[in-house]
Amino acid sequence: VFRAKANLTQEHLANAVGVYRQTIIAIEKSKYVPSLTLAFKIARYFNVNVEEIFECEETDLK
């Protein structure tokens, strides 16, 4: 959502945060959970908090 609203390609975001385009695709399709480092890089790129981009469900914390 953030990427599309910013009118960025998956390739551009991937290059900006240092991953492959396939990683961005997998994250967007909820098929891959990014590392904390990558989550923070993406959030920092969009100048938002991690919680604004990624959801953490209660069951993930147990």
N, C-alpha and C. Protein backbone atom coordinates (compact mmCIF):
# COMPACT_ATOMS: atom_id res chain seq x y z
N VAL A 1 0.83 -1.18 0.00
CA VAL A 1 0.00 0.00 0.00
C VAL A 1 0.88 1.25 0.00
N PHE A 2 1.87 1.31 0.89
CA PHE A 2 2.75 2.47 0.94
C PHE A 2 3.51 2.62 -0.37
N ARG A 3 3.99 1.51 -0.91
CA ARG A 3 4.75 1.55 -2.15
C ARG A 3 3.88 2.06 -3.29
N ALA A 4 2.67 1.52 -3.40
CA ALA A 4 1.78 1.91 -4.48
C ALA A 4 1.36 3.38 -4.35
N LYS A 5 1.07 3.81 -3.13
CA LYS A 5 0.69 5.21 -2.91
C LYS A 5 1.82 6.16 -3.27
N ALA A 6 3.05 5.71 -3.07
CA ALA A 6 4.21 6.53 -3.40
C ALA A 6 4.58 6.41 -4.87
N ASN A 7 3.82 5.60 -5.61
CA ASN A 7 4.04 5.39 -7.04
C ASN A 7 5.45 4.85 -7.32
N LEU A 8 5.88 3.90 -6.48
CA LEU A 8 7.19 3.27 -6.63
C LEU A 8 7.03 1.88 -7.21
N THR A 9 7.99 1.46 -8.00
CA THR A 9 7.99 0.08 -8.46
C THR A 9 8.55 -0.82 -7.36
N GLN A 10 8.24 -2.09 -7.46
CA GLN A 10 8.80 -3.07 -6.53
C GLN A 10 10.32 -3.07 -6.65
N GLU A 11 10.80 -2.94 -7.86
CA GLU A 11 12.24 -2.92 -8.11
C GLU A 11 12.91 -1.73 -7.42
N HIS A 12 12.29 -0.58 -7.49
CA HIS A 12 12.86 0.62 -6.86
C HIS A 12 12.95 0.45 -5.35
N LEU A 13 11.86 -0.01 -4.73
CA LEU A 13 11.86 -0.21 -3.28
C LEU A 13 12.89 -1.27 -2.89
N ALA A 14 12.94 -2.35 -3.66
CA ALA A 14 13.90 -3.41 -3.37
C ALA A 14 15.33 -2.87 -3.39
N ASN A 15 15.66 -2.10 -4.41
CA ASN A 15 17.00 -1.51 -4.50
C ASN A 15 17.27 -0.56 -3.34
N ALA A 16 16.26 0.20 -2.96
CA ALA A 16 16.43 1.18 -1.89
C ALA A 16 16.72 0.54 -0.54
N VAL A 17 16.16 -0.66 -0.31
CA VAL A 17 16.36 -1.31 0.99
C VAL A 17 17.31 -2.50 0.91
N GLY A 18 17.86 -2.76 -0.27
CA GLY A 18 18.90 -3.77 -0.41
C GLY A 18 18.44 -5.21 -0.47
N VAL A 19 17.29 -5.45 -1.12
CA VAL A 19 16.81 -6.83 -1.28
C VAL A 19 16.43 -7.06 -2.74
N TYR A 20 16.09 -8.29 -3.06
CA TYR A 20 15.60 -8.61 -4.40
C TYR A 20 14.14 -8.21 -4.54
N ARG A 21 13.74 -7.93 -5.77
CA ARG A 21 12.34 -7.60 -6.07
C ARG A 21 11.41 -8.70 -5.59
N GLN A 22 11.83 -9.95 -5.72
CA GLN A 22 11.01 -11.09 -5.30
C GLN A 22 10.70 -11.02 -3.81
N THR A 23 11.61 -10.48 -3.02
CA THR A 23 11.37 -10.33 -1.58
C THR A 23 10.24 -9.36 -1.33
N ILE A 24 10.23 -8.25 -2.05
CA ILE A 24 9.15 -7.26 -1.90
C ILE A 24 7.82 -7.87 -2.32
N ILE A 25 7.83 -8.62 -3.41
CA ILE A 25 6.61 -9.29 -3.88
C ILE A 25 6.09 -10.23 -2.79
N ALA A 26 6.97 -11.03 -2.23
CA ALA A 26 6.56 -12.00 -1.20
C ALA A 26 6.02 -11.30 0.05
N ILE A 27 6.64 -10.20 0.45
CA ILE A 27 6.15 -9.44 1.61
C ILE A 27 4.76 -8.90 1.32
N GLU A 28 4.57 -8.33 0.14
CA GLU A 28 3.27 -7.75 -0.22
C GLU A 28 2.17 -8.80 -0.29
N LYS A 29 2.53 -10.01 -0.65
CA LYS A 29 1.55 -11.10 -0.73
C LYS A 29 1.41 -11.87 0.59
N SER A 30 2.07 -11.38 1.63
CA SER A 30 2.07 -12.03 2.96
C SER A 30 2.59 -13.45 2.91
N LYS A 31 3.53 -13.71 2.01
CA LYS A 31 4.15 -15.03 1.92
C LYS A 31 5.52 -15.05 2.60
N TYR A 32 5.96 -13.89 3.05
CA TYR A 32 7.27 -13.78 3.70
C TYR A 32 7.19 -12.71 4.78
N VAL A 33 7.70 -13.05 5.95
CA VAL A 33 7.76 -12.09 7.05
C VAL A 33 9.19 -11.55 7.08
N PRO A 34 9.34 -10.25 6.90
CA PRO A 34 10.70 -9.70 6.85
C PRO A 34 11.38 -9.73 8.21
N SER A 35 12.69 -9.73 8.18
CA SER A 35 13.45 -9.61 9.42
C SER A 35 13.18 -8.24 10.03
N LEU A 36 13.49 -8.10 11.30
CA LEU A 36 13.33 -6.78 11.93
C LEU A 36 14.16 -5.72 11.22
N THR A 37 15.35 -6.09 10.82
CA THR A 37 16.22 -5.15 10.12
C THR A 37 15.56 -4.65 8.84
N LEU A 38 15.03 -5.57 8.05
CA LEU A 38 14.38 -5.19 6.80
C LEU A 38 13.11 -4.40 7.07
N ALA A 39 12.34 -4.80 8.05
CA ALA A 39 11.12 -4.07 8.39
C ALA A 39 11.45 -2.63 8.76
N PHE A 40 12.50 -2.43 9.55
CA PHE A 40 12.91 -1.07 9.92
C PHE A 40 13.43 -0.28 8.72
N LYS A 41 14.15 -0.95 7.82
CA LYS A 41 14.63 -0.26 6.61
C LYS A 41 13.47 0.23 5.76
N ILE A 42 12.46 -0.61 5.60
CA ILE A 42 11.29 -0.23 4.80
C ILE A 42 10.55 0.92 5.48
N ALA A 43 10.34 0.81 6.78
CA ALA A 43 9.65 1.87 7.51
C ALA A 43 10.43 3.18 7.43
N ARG A 44 11.73 3.09 7.61
CA ARG A 44 12.58 4.28 7.54
C ARG A 44 12.51 4.92 6.16
N TYR A 45 12.47 4.08 5.12
CA TYR A 45 12.39 4.60 3.75
C TYR A 45 11.14 5.46 3.57
N PHE A 46 10.01 5.00 4.15
CA PHE A 46 8.75 5.74 4.03
C PHE A 46 8.56 6.76 5.15
N ASN A 47 9.54 6.85 6.05
CA ASN A 47 9.49 7.80 7.16
C ASN A 47 8.25 7.60 8.05
N VAL A 48 7.99 6.33 8.38
CA VAL A 48 6.88 5.98 9.26
C VAL A 48 7.36 4.97 10.29
N ASN A 49 6.54 4.70 11.29
CA ASN A 49 6.85 3.66 12.27
C ASN A 49 6.59 2.29 11.67
N VAL A 50 7.32 1.30 12.13
CA VAL A 50 7.16 -0.07 11.64
C VAL A 50 5.71 -0.52 11.78
N GLU A 51 5.07 -0.15 12.89
CA GLU A 51 3.70 -0.58 13.15
C GLU A 51 2.71 -0.04 12.12
N GLU A 52 3.06 1.02 11.43
CA GLU A 52 2.18 1.58 10.41
C GLU A 52 2.19 0.75 9.13
N ILE A 53 3.25 -0.03 8.94
CA ILE A 53 3.37 -0.85 7.74
C ILE A 53 3.07 -2.32 8.02
N PHE A 54 3.60 -2.82 9.13
CA PHE A 54 3.50 -4.25 9.43
C PHE A 54 2.62 -4.48 10.65
N GLU A 55 1.81 -5.52 10.57
CA GLU A 55 0.95 -5.90 11.69
C GLU A 55 1.62 -7.01 12.48
N CYS A 56 1.47 -6.96 13.78
CA CYS A 56 1.97 -8.02 14.65
C CYS A 56 0.78 -8.56 15.41
N GLU A 57 0.41 -9.78 15.10
CA GLU A 57 -0.76 -10.36 15.77
C GLU A 57 -0.38 -10.87 17.15
N GLU A 58 -1.35 -10.88 18.03
CA GLU A 58 -1.15 -11.33 19.42
C GLU A 58 -0.51 -12.71 19.47
N THR A 59 -0.92 -13.62 18.58
CA THR A 59 -0.38 -14.98 18.59
C THR A 59 1.10 -14.99 18.22
N ASP A 60 1.56 -13.97 17.50
CA ASP A 60 2.98 -13.89 17.14
C ASP A 60 3.85 -13.61 18.36
N LEU A 61 3.25 -13.04 19.39
CA LEU A 61 4.01 -12.64 20.57
C LEU A 61 4.11 -13.73 21.62
N LYS A 62 3.41 -14.82 21.45
CA LYS A 62 3.40 -15.89 22.45
C LYS A 62 4.41 -16.96 22.13
